[in-house]
Amino acid sequence: MSERTVLSVAELSARVKEIFVSAGCSERQAGAVARVIVAGERDGCKSHGIYRIEGCLRTIGAGKVVPDAVPAVISDESAIVRVHANGGFANAAFELGLPVLAERTRALGMAAMVVNNCTHFSALWPEVEAVAELGLAALAMCPSYATVAPTGGRKPLLGTNPMAFGWPRENDHPYVFDFATSMVARGEIELHRRAGKALPEGWALDQNGEPTTDPEAALAGAMLPFGGHKGSAISTMIELLAGAMIGDLMSPEALAFLGTTTLSPHHGELIIAFDPVRFSGQRRGNPFIQAESFFEAIAGQGARLPSQRRFRARSQSLAQGIALSAAEMAQLQRLLQVGLAAVE
């Protein structure tokens, strides 16, 4: 018996969606969350793949997300498109608002989507990729819950506060980066804990504010921002723009709302879209052609563009399927059979 099972993207998507429908999610909510989870597995991002299902189910079981929420778009003639997630997952709200954001951006040159009152999945590259596929550039950001100490501090105050950017390319995958402003995503520390591996130095502090390489101590203490004061400042900017400015929770408030870091974070999200052609006015020609020349110069030095590894993994998954271990398959089957009881 093989220790690994290969599923197509469609087969895995159907299984993950069924798990969420069985847990009480509507078709809209289950489909949106399943798409981003499977995208993580498809692209080799294990920290944002099926590993995240249990956290989402715990959040449903704790009553901190509305599994059948119906998001609503509020749009006028301004550059701000507001989507009320109404307590549901951010993914369904984003999918509903995306066509309106694209229309506003093409009409005005730039526009912003504000998603309020949502449970966020913690990956932002699906959002900026979706915008880039429409020929627009995008910047996305959101807070999280307080798990990161500001530089010079000793206690959690900031979230992991991810930020992502996407630039469209006509004959290639978009240029995309997505990273937490902490040293790593919190899921990476959890994966180290599960594997019994020590953390690299400089990732985290324990409960007493002392440096630690123990994943258990790190999860009970505080993570650190990347780049010292620079990462701390960028993380603070995200708290202001994607928390205070959009009228939603900042990371300490999100943690207070949840009462634990074992659930998916609840807050808002900000996505800003740009029309590069409108912005450039074609003063120096086509901005996409200029961008390609720049990308070629980067590659010409032997450097790798961000997300290239992810896109290679995607191509392989689409051609050959997604390989899951026996333990992962057993986990999926158990989650499907017993639903929320599996994470109580």
C-alpha atoms as a PDB file:
ATOM      1  CA  MET A   1       0.000   0.000   0.000  1.00  0.00           C
ATOM      2  CA  SER A   2       1.389   3.371  -1.027  1.00  0.00           C
ATOM      3  CA  GLU A   3       2.127   5.819   1.746  1.00  0.00           C
ATOM      4  CA  ARG A   4       0.996   8.714  -0.421  1.00  0.00           C
ATOM      5  CA  THR A   5      -2.243   9.389  -2.271  1.00  0.00           C
ATOM      6  CA  VAL A   6      -2.398  11.661  -5.294  1.00  0.00           C
ATOM      7  CA  LEU A   7      -5.554  13.725  -5.783  1.00  0.00           C
ATOM      8  CA  SER A   8      -6.355  16.168  -8.541  1.00  0.00           C
ATOM      9  CA  VAL A   9      -7.000  19.776  -7.581  1.00  0.00           C
ATOM     10  CA  ALA A  10     -10.694  19.214  -8.293  1.00  0.00           C
ATOM     11  CA  GLU A  11     -10.829  16.062  -6.148  1.00  0.00           C
ATOM     12  CA  LEU A  12      -9.139  17.721  -3.178  1.00  0.00           C
ATOM     13  CA  SER A  13     -11.325  20.817  -3.579  1.00  0.00           C
ATOM     14  CA  ALA A  14     -14.458  18.695  -3.438  1.00  0.00           C
ATOM     15  CA  ARG A  15     -13.302  16.937  -0.255  1.00  0.00           C
ATOM     16  CA  VAL A  16     -12.336  20.124   1.540  1.00  0.00           C
ATOM     17  CA  LYS A  17     -15.557  21.865   0.538  1.00  0.00           C
ATOM     18  CA  GLU A  18     -17.585  18.885   1.779  1.00  0.00           C
ATOM     19  CA  ILE A  19     -15.852  19.099   5.161  1.00  0.00           C
ATOM     20  CA  PHE A  20     -16.949  22.710   5.558  1.00  0.00           C
ATOM     21  CA  VAL A  21     -20.484  22.104   4.298  1.00  0.00           C
ATOM     22  CA  SER A  22     -20.791  19.241   6.797  1.00  0.00           C
ATOM     23  CA  ALA A  23     -19.623  21.654   9.517  1.00  0.00           C
ATOM     24  CA  GLY A  24     -22.513  24.002   8.745  1.00  0.00           C
ATOM     25  CA  CYS A  25     -21.040  26.332   6.128  1.00  0.00           C
ATOM     26  CA  SER A  26     -23.117  27.563   3.243  1.00  0.00           C
ATOM     27  CA  GLU A  27     -22.070  26.643  -0.295  1.00  0.00           C
ATOM     28  CA  ARG A  28     -20.693  30.169  -0.775  1.00  0.00           C
ATOM     29  CA  GLN A  29     -18.611  30.156   2.419  1.00  0.00           C
ATOM     30  CA  ALA A  30     -17.411  26.552   2.055  1.00  0.00           C
ATOM     31  CA  GLY A  31     -16.434  27.010  -1.586  1.00  0.00           C
ATOM     32  CA  ALA A  32     -14.477  30.201  -0.962  1.00  0.00           C
ATOM     33  CA  VAL A  33     -12.511  28.782   1.975  1.00  0.00           C
ATOM     34  CA  ALA A  34     -11.870  25.491   0.174  1.00  0.00           C
ATOM     35  CA  ARG A  35     -10.476  27.317  -2.848  1.00  0.00           C
ATOM     36  CA  VAL A  36      -7.814  29.136  -0.844  1.00  0.00           C
ATOM     37  CA  ILE A  37      -6.891  26.077   1.255  1.00  0.00           C
ATOM     38  CA  VAL A  38      -6.476  23.902  -1.817  1.00  0.00           C
ATOM     39  CA  ALA A  39      -4.533  26.680  -3.529  1.00  0.00           C
ATOM     40  CA  GLY A  40      -2.062  26.497  -0.643  1.00  0.00           C
ATOM     41  CA  GLU A  41      -1.596  22.741  -1.104  1.00  0.00           C
ATOM     42  CA  ARG A  42      -1.466  23.109  -4.891  1.00  0.00           C
ATOM     43  CA  ASP A  43       1.285  25.699  -4.616  1.00  0.00           C
ATOM     44  CA  GLY A  44       3.352  23.812  -2.045  1.00  0.00           C
ATOM     45  CA  CYS A  45       2.491  26.203   0.808  1.00  0.00           C
ATOM     46  CA  LYS A  46       1.870  23.584   3.483  1.00  0.00           C
ATOM     47  CA  SER A  47       1.501  26.169   6.251  1.00  0.00           C
ATOM     48  CA  HIS A  48      -1.605  27.503   4.463  1.00  0.00           C
ATOM     49  CA  GLY A  49      -2.956  24.237   3.094  1.00  0.00           C
ATOM     50  CA  ILE A  50      -5.114  21.534   4.672  1.00  0.00           C
ATOM     51  CA  TYR A  51      -3.258  22.112   7.949  1.00  0.00           C
ATOM     52  CA  ARG A  52      -5.511  25.184   8.316  1.00  0.00           C
ATOM     53  CA  ILE A  53      -8.786  23.246   8.177  1.00  0.00           C
ATOM     54  CA  GLU A  54      -8.758  22.363  11.864  1.00  0.00           C
ATOM     55  CA  GLY A  55      -8.306  26.005  12.919  1.00  0.00           C
ATOM     56  CA  CYS A  56     -11.213  27.070  10.721  1.00  0.00           C
ATOM     57  CA  LEU A  57     -13.407  24.323  12.178  1.00  0.00           C
ATOM     58  CA  ARG A  58     -12.436  25.286  15.732  1.00  0.00           C
ATOM     59  CA  THR A  59     -13.446  28.852  14.919  1.00  0.00           C
ATOM     60  CA  ILE A  60     -16.835  27.675  13.660  1.00  0.00           C
ATOM     61  CA  GLY A  61     -17.310  25.471  16.720  1.00  0.00           C
ATOM     62  CA  ALA A  62     -16.437  28.357  19.053  1.00  0.00           C
ATOM     63  CA  GLY A  63     -19.103  30.542  17.436  1.00  0.00           C
ATOM     64  CA  LYS A  64     -16.536  33.153  16.357  1.00  0.00           C
ATOM     65  CA  VAL A  65     -17.431  32.987  12.654  1.00  0.00           C
ATOM     66  CA  VAL A  66     -20.848  32.851  10.978  1.00  0.00           C
ATOM     67  CA  PRO A  67     -20.587  29.802   8.703  1.00  0.00           C
ATOM     68  CA  ASP A  68     -23.572  30.722   6.544  1.00  0.00           C
ATOM     69  CA  ALA A  69     -22.999  34.486   6.453  1.00  0.00           C
ATOM     70  CA  VAL A  70     -24.186  36.380   3.382  1.00  0.00           C
ATOM     71  CA  PRO A  71     -21.703  39.163   2.526  1.00  0.00           C
ATOM     72  CA  ALA A  72     -22.973  42.449   1.120  1.00  0.00           C
ATOM     73  CA  VAL A  73     -21.302  45.041  -1.105  1.00  0.00           C
ATOM     74  CA  ILE A  74     -21.811  48.753  -0.480  1.00  0.00           C
ATOM     75  CA  SER A  75     -20.573  50.815  -3.422  1.00  0.00           C
ATOM     76  CA  ASP A  76     -21.206  54.391  -4.512  1.00  0.00           C
ATOM     77  CA  GLU A  77     -19.367  56.521  -7.052  1.00  0.00           C
ATOM     78  CA  SER A  78     -16.318  56.916  -4.810  1.00  0.00           C
ATOM     79  CA  ALA A  79     -13.067  54.954  -4.911  1.00  0.00           C
ATOM     80  CA  ILE A  80     -14.017  52.928  -1.810  1.00  0.00           C
ATOM     81  CA  VAL A  81     -15.843  49.625  -2.201  1.00  0.00           C
ATOM     82  CA  ARG A  82     -16.985  48.343   1.190  1.00  0.00           C
ATOM     83  CA  VAL A  83     -17.892  44.711   1.702  1.00  0.00           C
ATOM     84  CA  HIS A  84     -19.617  43.674   4.896  1.00  0.00           C
ATOM     85  CA  ALA A  85     -18.580  40.079   5.553  1.00  0.00           C
ATOM     86  CA  ASN A  86     -21.289  39.936   8.229  1.00  0.00           C
ATOM     87  CA  GLY A  87     -19.185  37.720  10.442  1.00  0.00           C
ATOM     88  CA  GLY A  88     -18.259  35.215   7.739  1.00  0.00           C
ATOM     89  CA  PHE A  89     -14.941  34.300   6.165  1.00  0.00           C
ATOM     90  CA  ALA A  90     -13.075  37.028   4.293  1.00  0.00           C
ATOM     91  CA  ASN A  91     -12.695  34.858   1.196  1.00  0.00           C
ATOM     92  CA  ALA A  92     -16.380  34.873   0.291  1.00  0.00           C
ATOM     93  CA  ALA A  93     -16.574  38.627   0.892  1.00  0.00           C
ATOM     94  CA  PHE A  94     -13.541  39.269  -1.313  1.00  0.00           C
ATOM     95  CA  GLU A  95     -14.895  37.149  -4.162  1.00  0.00           C
ATOM     96  CA  LEU A  96     -18.167  39.086  -4.054  1.00  0.00           C
ATOM     97  CA  GLY A  97     -16.460  42.481  -4.064  1.00  0.00           C
ATOM     98  CA  LEU A  98     -13.751  41.778  -6.653  1.00  0.00           C
ATOM     99  CA  PRO A  99     -15.777  42.614  -9.799  1.00  0.00           C
ATOM    100  CA  VAL A 100     -16.908  45.888  -8.235  1.00  0.00           C
ATOM    101  CA  LEU A 101     -13.341  46.757  -7.207  1.00  0.00           C
ATOM    102  CA  ALA A 102     -12.119  46.103 -10.770  1.00  0.00           C
ATOM    103  CA  GLU A 103     -14.876  48.251 -12.261  1.00  0.00           C
ATOM    104  CA  ARG A 104     -14.149  51.138  -9.884  1.00  0.00           C
ATOM    105  CA  THR A 105     -10.406  50.884 -10.547  1.00  0.00           C
ATOM    106  CA  ARG A 106     -10.834  51.030 -14.311  1.00  0.00           C
ATOM    107  CA  ALA A 107     -13.191  53.999 -13.947  1.00  0.00           C
ATOM    108  CA  LEU A 108     -11.040  55.994 -11.518  1.00  0.00           C
ATOM    109  CA  GLY A 109      -7.483  54.699 -11.980  1.00  0.00           C
ATOM    110  CA  MET A 110      -7.357  53.330  -8.452  1.00  0.00           C
ATOM    111  CA  ALA A 111      -9.827  52.064  -5.880  1.00  0.00           C
ATOM    112  CA  ALA A 112      -9.850  50.277  -2.544  1.00  0.00           C
ATOM    113  CA  MET A 113     -11.875  47.392  -1.194  1.00  0.00           C
ATOM    114  CA  VAL A 114     -12.558  47.466   2.532  1.00  0.00           C
ATOM    115  CA  VAL A 115     -13.707  44.169   4.020  1.00  0.00           C
ATOM    116  CA  ASN A 116     -15.213  44.538   7.484  1.00  0.00           C
ATOM    117  CA  ASN A 117     -16.238  42.086  10.199  1.00  0.00           C
ATOM    118  CA  CYS A 118     -14.596  39.001   8.768  1.00  0.00           C
ATOM    119  CA  THR A 119     -12.656  35.952   9.854  1.00  0.00           C
ATOM    120  CA  HIS A 120      -9.462  35.949   7.830  1.00  0.00           C
ATOM    121  CA  PHE A 121      -7.601  32.955   6.493  1.00  0.00           C
ATOM    122  CA  SER A 122      -4.132  34.550   6.745  1.00  0.00           C
ATOM    123  CA  ALA A 123      -3.013  34.217   3.113  1.00  0.00           C
ATOM    124  CA  LEU A 124      -3.157  37.339   0.946  1.00  0.00           C
ATOM    125  CA  TRP A 125      -1.598  36.177  -2.301  1.00  0.00           C
ATOM    126  CA  PRO A 126      -4.907  34.719  -3.582  1.00  0.00           C
ATOM    127  CA  GLU A 127      -6.396  38.209  -3.409  1.00  0.00           C
ATOM    128  CA  VAL A 128      -3.592  40.077  -5.184  1.00  0.00           C
ATOM    129  CA  GLU A 129      -3.280  37.321  -7.791  1.00  0.00           C
ATOM    130  CA  ALA A 130      -6.981  37.563  -8.544  1.00  0.00           C
ATOM    131  CA  VAL A 131      -6.694  41.326  -9.023  1.00  0.00           C
ATOM    132  CA  ALA A 132      -3.550  40.966 -11.167  1.00  0.00           C
ATOM    133  CA  GLU A 133      -5.315  38.450 -13.411  1.00  0.00           C
ATOM    134  CA  LEU A 134      -7.676  41.285 -14.310  1.00  0.00           C
ATOM    135  CA  GLY A 135      -4.748  43.398 -15.511  1.00  0.00           C
ATOM    136  CA  LEU A 136      -4.508  45.550 -12.390  1.00  0.00           C
ATOM    137  CA  ALA A 137      -1.810  45.951  -9.734  1.00  0.00           C
ATOM    138  CA  ALA A 138      -2.806  45.348  -6.135  1.00  0.00           C
ATOM    139  CA  LEU A 139      -1.638  45.842  -2.572  1.00  0.00           C
ATOM    140  CA  ALA A 140      -3.370  43.936   0.244  1.00  0.00           C
ATOM    141  CA  MET A 141      -2.869  43.975   3.994  1.00  0.00           C
ATOM    142  CA  CYS A 142      -4.563  43.028   7.240  1.00  0.00           C
ATOM    143  CA  PRO A 143      -3.808  42.841  10.956  1.00  0.00           C
ATOM    144  CA  SER A 144      -4.068  39.577  12.866  1.00  0.00           C
ATOM    145  CA  TYR A 145      -4.205  38.971  16.620  1.00  0.00           C
ATOM    146  CA  ALA A 146      -1.510  40.176  18.993  1.00  0.00           C
ATOM    147  CA  THR A 147       1.308  37.609  18.875  1.00  0.00           C
ATOM    148  CA  VAL A 148       4.302  39.782  17.924  1.00  0.00           C
ATOM    149  CA  ALA A 149       6.316  42.048  20.216  1.00  0.00           C
ATOM    150  CA  PRO A 150       7.350  45.422  18.765  1.00  0.00           C
ATOM    151  CA  THR A 151      11.092  45.872  18.434  1.00  0.00           C
ATOM    152  CA  GLY A 152      12.450  46.681  21.891  1.00  0.00           C
ATOM    153  CA  GLY A 153       9.326  45.276  23.540  1.00  0.00           C
ATOM    154  CA  ARG A 154       8.832  41.981  25.346  1.00  0.00           C
ATOM    155  CA  LYS A 155       5.093  41.248  25.072  1.00  0.00           C
ATOM    156  CA  PRO A 156       2.722  40.585  22.121  1.00  0.00           C
ATOM    157  CA  LEU A 157       1.104  43.730  20.752  1.00  0.00           C
ATOM    158  CA  LEU A 158       1.295  43.533  16.944  1.00  0.00           C
ATOM    159  CA  GLY A 159      -0.152  40.837  14.727  1.00  0.00           C
ATOM    160  CA  THR A 160       1.806  38.880  12.139  1.00  0.00           C
ATOM    161  CA  ASN A 161       0.248  41.519   9.862  1.00  0.00           C
ATOM    162  CA  PRO A 162       0.819  40.175   6.339  1.00  0.00           C
ATOM    163  CA  MET A 163       1.168  42.356   3.259  1.00  0.00           C
ATOM    164  CA  ALA A 164       1.003  41.256  -0.378  1.00  0.00           C
ATOM    165  CA  PHE A 165       1.561  42.881  -3.766  1.00  0.00           C
ATOM    166  CA  GLY A 166       0.654  41.725  -7.255  1.00  0.00           C
ATOM    167  CA  TRP A 167       1.690  43.064 -10.686  1.00  0.00           C
ATOM    168  CA  PRO A 168       0.078  41.693 -13.866  1.00  0.00           C
ATOM    169  CA  ARG A 169       2.141  40.143 -16.642  1.00  0.00           C
ATOM    170  CA  GLU A 170       0.721  39.380 -20.065  1.00  0.00           C
ATOM    171  CA  ASN A 171       2.530  36.137 -20.846  1.00  0.00           C
ATOM    172  CA  ASP A 172       3.546  34.874 -17.426  1.00  0.00           C
ATOM    173  CA  HIS A 173       2.364  34.444 -13.876  1.00  0.00           C
ATOM    174  CA  PRO A 174       1.983  37.787 -12.104  1.00  0.00           C
ATOM    175  CA  TYR A 175       4.785  39.199  -9.982  1.00  0.00           C
ATOM    176  CA  VAL A 176       3.572  38.441  -6.454  1.00  0.00           C
ATOM    177  CA  PHE A 177       4.958  38.639  -2.975  1.00  0.00           C
ATOM    178  CA  ASP A 178       3.144  37.857   0.253  1.00  0.00           C
ATOM    179  CA  PHE A 179       4.865  37.898   3.608  1.00  0.00           C
ATOM    180  CA  ALA A 180       4.168  38.364   7.269  1.00  0.00           C
ATOM    181  CA  THR A 181       5.830  41.310   8.954  1.00  0.00           C
ATOM    182  CA  SER A 182       6.847  38.898  11.710  1.00  0.00           C
ATOM    183  CA  MET A 183       9.993  36.830  11.154  1.00  0.00           C
ATOM    184  CA  VAL A 184       7.773  34.009   9.871  1.00  0.00           C
ATOM    185  CA  ALA A 185       4.087  33.187   9.752  1.00  0.00           C
ATOM    186  CA  ARG A 186       2.776  31.745  13.020  1.00  0.00           C
ATOM    187  CA  GLY A 187       1.889  28.561  11.165  1.00  0.00           C
ATOM    188  CA  GLU A 188       5.595  27.935  10.560  1.00  0.00           C
ATOM    189  CA  ILE A 189       6.243  27.862  14.313  1.00  0.00           C
ATOM    190  CA  GLU A 190       3.333  25.465  14.766  1.00  0.00           C
ATOM    191  CA  LEU A 191       4.759  23.203  12.056  1.00  0.00           C
ATOM    192  CA  HIS A 192       8.129  23.233  13.864  1.00  0.00           C
ATOM    193  CA  ARG A 193       6.316  22.257  17.072  1.00  0.00           C
ATOM    194  CA  ARG A 194       4.547  19.362  15.383  1.00  0.00           C
ATOM    195  CA  ALA A 195       7.812  18.155  13.845  1.00  0.00           C
ATOM    196  CA  GLY A 196       9.739  18.499  17.118  1.00  0.00           C
ATOM    197  CA  LYS A 197      12.215  20.889  15.502  1.00  0.00           C
ATOM    198  CA  ALA A 198      13.951  23.823  17.204  1.00  0.00           C
ATOM    199  CA  LEU A 199      13.375  27.306  15.823  1.00  0.00           C
ATOM    200  CA  PRO A 200      16.187  29.369  14.327  1.00  0.00           C
ATOM    201  CA  GLU A 201      17.504  32.012  16.678  1.00  0.00           C
ATOM    202  CA  GLY A 202      15.891  35.416  16.432  1.00  0.00           C
ATOM    203  CA  TRP A 203      12.369  34.237  15.696  1.00  0.00           C
ATOM    204  CA  ALA A 204      10.729  34.495  19.103  1.00  0.00           C
ATOM    205  CA  LEU A 205      10.699  35.327  22.816  1.00  0.00           C
ATOM    206  CA  ASP A 206       9.355  33.234  25.681  1.00  0.00           C
ATOM    207  CA  GLN A 207       6.769  34.430  28.228  1.00  0.00           C
ATOM    208  CA  ASN A 208       9.489  36.236  30.161  1.00  0.00           C
ATOM    209  CA  GLY A 209      10.619  38.178  27.099  1.00  0.00           C
ATOM    210  CA  GLU A 210      13.798  36.140  26.689  1.00  0.00           C
ATOM    211  CA  PRO A 211      14.982  34.757  23.319  1.00  0.00           C
ATOM    212  CA  THR A 212      13.935  31.145  22.693  1.00  0.00           C
ATOM    213  CA  THR A 213      14.294  28.435  20.064  1.00  0.00           C
ATOM    214  CA  ASP A 214      11.613  26.234  21.671  1.00  0.00           C
ATOM    215  CA  PRO A 215       8.391  26.296  19.561  1.00  0.00           C
ATOM    216  CA  GLU A 216       6.214  25.659  22.632  1.00  0.00           C
ATOM    217  CA  ALA A 217       7.795  28.581  24.483  1.00  0.00           C
ATOM    218  CA  ALA A 218       7.501  30.766  21.388  1.00  0.00           C
ATOM    219  CA  LEU A 219       3.803  30.033  20.971  1.00  0.00           C
ATOM    220  CA  ALA A 220       3.260  30.938  24.630  1.00  0.00           C
ATOM    221  CA  GLY A 221       5.455  34.039  24.349  1.00  0.00           C
ATOM    222  CA  ALA A 222       5.894  36.433  21.433  1.00  0.00           C
ATOM    223  CA  MET A 223       7.174  36.333  17.895  1.00  0.00           C
ATOM    224  CA  LEU A 224       9.541  39.013  16.602  1.00  0.00           C
ATOM    225  CA  PRO A 225       9.140  41.341  13.600  1.00  0.00           C
ATOM    226  CA  PHE A 226      11.412  40.881  10.613  1.00  0.00           C
ATOM    227  CA  GLY A 227      14.162  43.437  10.088  1.00  0.00           C
ATOM    228  CA  GLY A 228      14.025  44.834  13.605  1.00  0.00           C
ATOM    229  CA  HIS A 229      12.630  48.370  13.778  1.00  0.00           C
ATOM    230  CA  LYS A 230      11.831  48.381  10.037  1.00  0.00           C
ATOM    231  CA  GLY A 231       9.481  45.416  10.247  1.00  0.00           C
ATOM    232  CA  SER A 232       8.012  46.788  13.449  1.00  0.00           C
ATOM    233  CA  ALA A 233       7.217  50.093  11.736  1.00  0.00           C
ATOM    234  CA  ILE A 234       5.647  48.406   8.691  1.00  0.00           C
ATOM    235  CA  SER A 235       3.555  46.219  10.981  1.00  0.00           C
ATOM    236  CA  THR A 236       2.377  49.313  12.848  1.00  0.00           C
ATOM    237  CA  MET A 237       1.434  50.942   9.524  1.00  0.00           C
ATOM    238  CA  ILE A 238      -0.736  47.923   8.715  1.00  0.00           C
ATOM    239  CA  GLU A 239      -2.467  48.171  12.106  1.00  0.00           C
ATOM    240  CA  LEU A 240      -3.317  51.781  11.272  1.00  0.00           C
ATOM    241  CA  LEU A 241      -4.352  51.382   7.623  1.00  0.00           C
ATOM    242  CA  ALA A 242      -6.110  48.011   7.800  1.00  0.00           C
ATOM    243  CA  GLY A 243      -7.424  48.357  11.343  1.00  0.00           C
ATOM    244  CA  ALA A 244      -8.030  51.851  12.651  1.00  0.00           C
ATOM    245  CA  MET A 245      -8.536  53.524   9.247  1.00  0.00           C
ATOM    246  CA  ILE A 246     -11.142  51.050   7.990  1.00  0.00           C
ATOM    247  CA  GLY A 247     -13.036  51.053  11.264  1.00  0.00           C
ATOM    248  CA  ASP A 248     -12.194  47.511  12.280  1.00  0.00           C
ATOM    249  CA  LEU A 249     -10.304  45.642  14.998  1.00  0.00           C
ATOM    250  CA  MET A 250      -6.605  46.101  15.613  1.00  0.00           C
ATOM    251  CA  SER A 251      -4.568  43.076  16.707  1.00  0.00           C
ATOM    252  CA  PRO A 252      -4.959  43.456  20.509  1.00  0.00           C
ATOM    253  CA  GLU A 253      -8.727  43.867  20.048  1.00  0.00           C
ATOM    254  CA  ALA A 254      -8.860  40.829  17.763  1.00  0.00           C
ATOM    255  CA  LEU A 255      -7.135  38.713  20.410  1.00  0.00           C
ATOM    256  CA  ALA A 256      -9.534  39.997  23.065  1.00  0.00           C
ATOM    257  CA  PHE A 257     -12.490  39.083  20.824  1.00  0.00           C
ATOM    258  CA  LEU A 258     -11.217  35.518  20.349  1.00  0.00           C
ATOM    259  CA  GLY A 259      -9.675  34.979  23.757  1.00  0.00           C
ATOM    260  CA  THR A 260      -7.181  32.529  22.239  1.00  0.00           C
ATOM    261  CA  THR A 261      -4.687  32.170  19.410  1.00  0.00           C
ATOM    262  CA  THR A 262      -6.008  28.724  18.449  1.00  0.00           C
ATOM    263  CA  LEU A 263      -8.815  30.223  16.341  1.00  0.00           C
ATOM    264  CA  SER A 264      -8.694  32.040  13.022  1.00  0.00           C
ATOM    265  CA  PRO A 265      -8.291  35.821  13.511  1.00  0.00           C
ATOM    266  CA  HIS A 266     -11.241  38.195  13.264  1.00  0.00           C
ATOM    267  CA  HIS A 267     -10.688  41.705  11.891  1.00  0.00           C
ATOM    268  CA  GLY A 268     -10.858  43.534   8.539  1.00  0.00           C
ATOM    269  CA  GLU A 269      -8.855  43.679   5.337  1.00  0.00           C
ATOM    270  CA  LEU A 270      -7.747  46.393   2.920  1.00  0.00           C
ATOM    271  CA  ILE A 271      -7.074  45.784  -0.785  1.00  0.00           C
ATOM    272  CA  ILE A 272      -5.936  48.684  -2.974  1.00  0.00           C
ATOM    273  CA  ALA A 273      -6.021  48.242  -6.760  1.00  0.00           C
ATOM    274  CA  PHE A 274      -4.227  50.348  -9.383  1.00  0.00           C
ATOM    275  CA  ASP A 275      -4.570  50.651 -13.156  1.00  0.00           C
ATOM    276  CA  PRO A 276      -0.915  50.913 -14.316  1.00  0.00           C
ATOM    277  CA  VAL A 277      -1.839  52.297 -17.746  1.00  0.00           C
ATOM    278  CA  ARG A 278      -3.946  55.090 -16.236  1.00  0.00           C
ATOM    279  CA  PHE A 279      -1.235  55.932 -13.717  1.00  0.00           C
ATOM    280  CA  SER A 280       1.585  56.048 -16.252  1.00  0.00           C
ATOM    281  CA  GLY A 281      -0.281  58.088 -18.813  1.00  0.00           C
ATOM    282  CA  GLN A 282       2.113  56.221 -21.122  1.00  0.00           C
ATOM    283  CA  ARG A 283       4.619  59.029 -20.565  1.00  0.00           C
ATOM    284  CA  ARG A 284       7.438  56.551 -21.124  1.00  0.00           C
ATOM    285  CA  GLY A 285       5.543  53.966 -23.099  1.00  0.00           C
ATOM    286  CA  ASN A 286       3.773  50.851 -21.918  1.00  0.00           C
ATOM    287  CA  PRO A 287       4.411  50.293 -18.168  1.00  0.00           C
ATOM    288  CA  PHE A 288       4.086  46.527 -18.596  1.00  0.00           C
ATOM    289  CA  ILE A 289       6.893  46.471 -21.145  1.00  0.00           C
ATOM    290  CA  GLN A 290       9.061  48.524 -18.786  1.00  0.00           C
ATOM    291  CA  ALA A 291       8.282  46.086 -15.978  1.00  0.00           C
ATOM    292  CA  GLU A 292       9.255  43.082 -18.103  1.00  0.00           C
ATOM    293  CA  SER A 293      12.613  44.665 -18.886  1.00  0.00           C
ATOM    294  CA  PHE A 294      13.181  45.141 -15.168  1.00  0.00           C
ATOM    295  CA  PHE A 295      12.212  41.545 -14.363  1.00  0.00           C
ATOM    296  CA  GLU A 296      14.629  40.353 -17.042  1.00  0.00           C
ATOM    297  CA  ALA A 297      17.402  42.424 -15.447  1.00  0.00           C
ATOM    298  CA  ILE A 298      16.700  40.792 -12.076  1.00  0.00           C
ATOM    299  CA  ALA A 299      16.735  37.309 -13.575  1.00  0.00           C
ATOM    300  CA  GLY A 300      19.847  38.204 -15.560  1.00  0.00           C
ATOM    301  CA  GLN A 301      21.757  38.512 -12.286  1.00  0.00           C
ATOM    302  CA  GLY A 302      20.690  35.007 -11.294  1.00  0.00           C
ATOM    303  CA  ALA A 303      18.134  36.271  -8.795  1.00  0.00           C
ATOM    304  CA  ARG A 304      14.773  34.592  -8.318  1.00  0.00           C
ATOM    305  CA  LEU A 305      11.526  36.509  -8.484  1.00  0.00           C
ATOM    306  CA  PRO A 306       9.250  35.916  -5.491  1.00  0.00           C
ATOM    307  CA  SER A 307       6.607  33.193  -5.866  1.00  0.00           C
ATOM    308  CA  GLN A 308       8.517  31.383  -8.638  1.00  0.00           C
ATOM    309  CA  ARG A 309       8.863  28.301  -6.432  1.00  0.00           C
ATOM    310  CA  ARG A 310       5.134  28.448  -5.749  1.00  0.00           C
ATOM    311  CA  PHE A 311       4.276  28.728  -9.434  1.00  0.00           C
ATOM    312  CA  ARG A 312       6.521  25.757 -10.263  1.00  0.00           C
ATOM    313  CA  ALA A 313       4.741  23.717  -7.600  1.00  0.00           C
ATOM    314  CA  ARG A 314       1.415  24.803  -9.078  1.00  0.00           C
ATOM    315  CA  SER A 315       2.368  23.641 -12.558  1.00  0.00           C
ATOM    316  CA  GLN A 316       3.426  20.271 -11.178  1.00  0.00           C
ATOM    317  CA  SER A 317       0.235  19.888  -9.132  1.00  0.00           C
ATOM    318  CA  LEU A 318      -1.980  20.747 -12.082  1.00  0.00           C
ATOM    319  CA  ALA A 319      -0.147  18.234 -14.267  1.00  0.00           C
ATOM    320  CA  GLN A 320       0.456  15.427 -11.774  1.00  0.00           C
ATOM    321  CA  GLY A 321      -1.955  16.035  -8.903  1.00  0.00           C
ATOM    322  CA  ILE A 322      -1.395  16.841  -5.224  1.00  0.00           C
ATOM    323  CA  ALA A 323       0.372  14.153  -3.168  1.00  0.00           C
ATOM    324  CA  LEU A 324      -0.887  13.738   0.400  1.00  0.00           C
ATOM    325  CA  SER A 325       0.591  11.513   3.080  1.00  0.00           C
ATOM    326  CA  ALA A 326      -1.346   8.684   4.702  1.00  0.00           C
ATOM    327  CA  ALA A 327      -1.680  10.829   7.835  1.00  0.00           C
ATOM    328  CA  GLU A 328      -3.073  13.747   5.837  1.00  0.00           C
ATOM    329  CA  MET A 329      -5.585  11.523   4.076  1.00  0.00           C
ATOM    330  CA  ALA A 330      -6.644  10.038   7.412  1.00  0.00           C
ATOM    331  CA  GLN A 331      -7.077  13.549   8.795  1.00  0.00           C
ATOM    332  CA  LEU A 332      -9.317  14.561   5.886  1.00  0.00           C
ATOM    333  CA  GLN A 333     -11.416  11.430   6.284  1.00  0.00           C
ATOM    334  CA  ARG A 334     -11.802  11.960  10.036  1.00  0.00           C
ATOM    335  CA  LEU A 335     -12.755  15.612   9.608  1.00  0.00           C
ATOM    336  CA  LEU A 336     -15.372  14.602   7.054  1.00  0.00           C
ATOM    337  CA  GLN A 337     -16.787  11.810   9.204  1.00  0.00           C
ATOM    338  CA  VAL A 338     -17.007  13.546  12.579  1.00  0.00           C
ATOM    339  CA  GLY A 339     -16.907  17.229  11.598  1.00  0.00           C
ATOM    340  CA  LEU A 340     -16.671  19.720  14.444  1.00  0.00           C
ATOM    341  CA  ALA A 341     -16.382  16.922  17.011  1.00  0.00           C
ATOM    342  CA  ALA A 342     -12.875  16.246  15.655  1.00  0.00           C
ATOM    343  CA  VAL A 343     -11.603  19.588  16.968  1.00  0.00           C
ATOM    344  CA  GLU A 344     -13.533  19.945  20.214  1.00  0.00           C
END
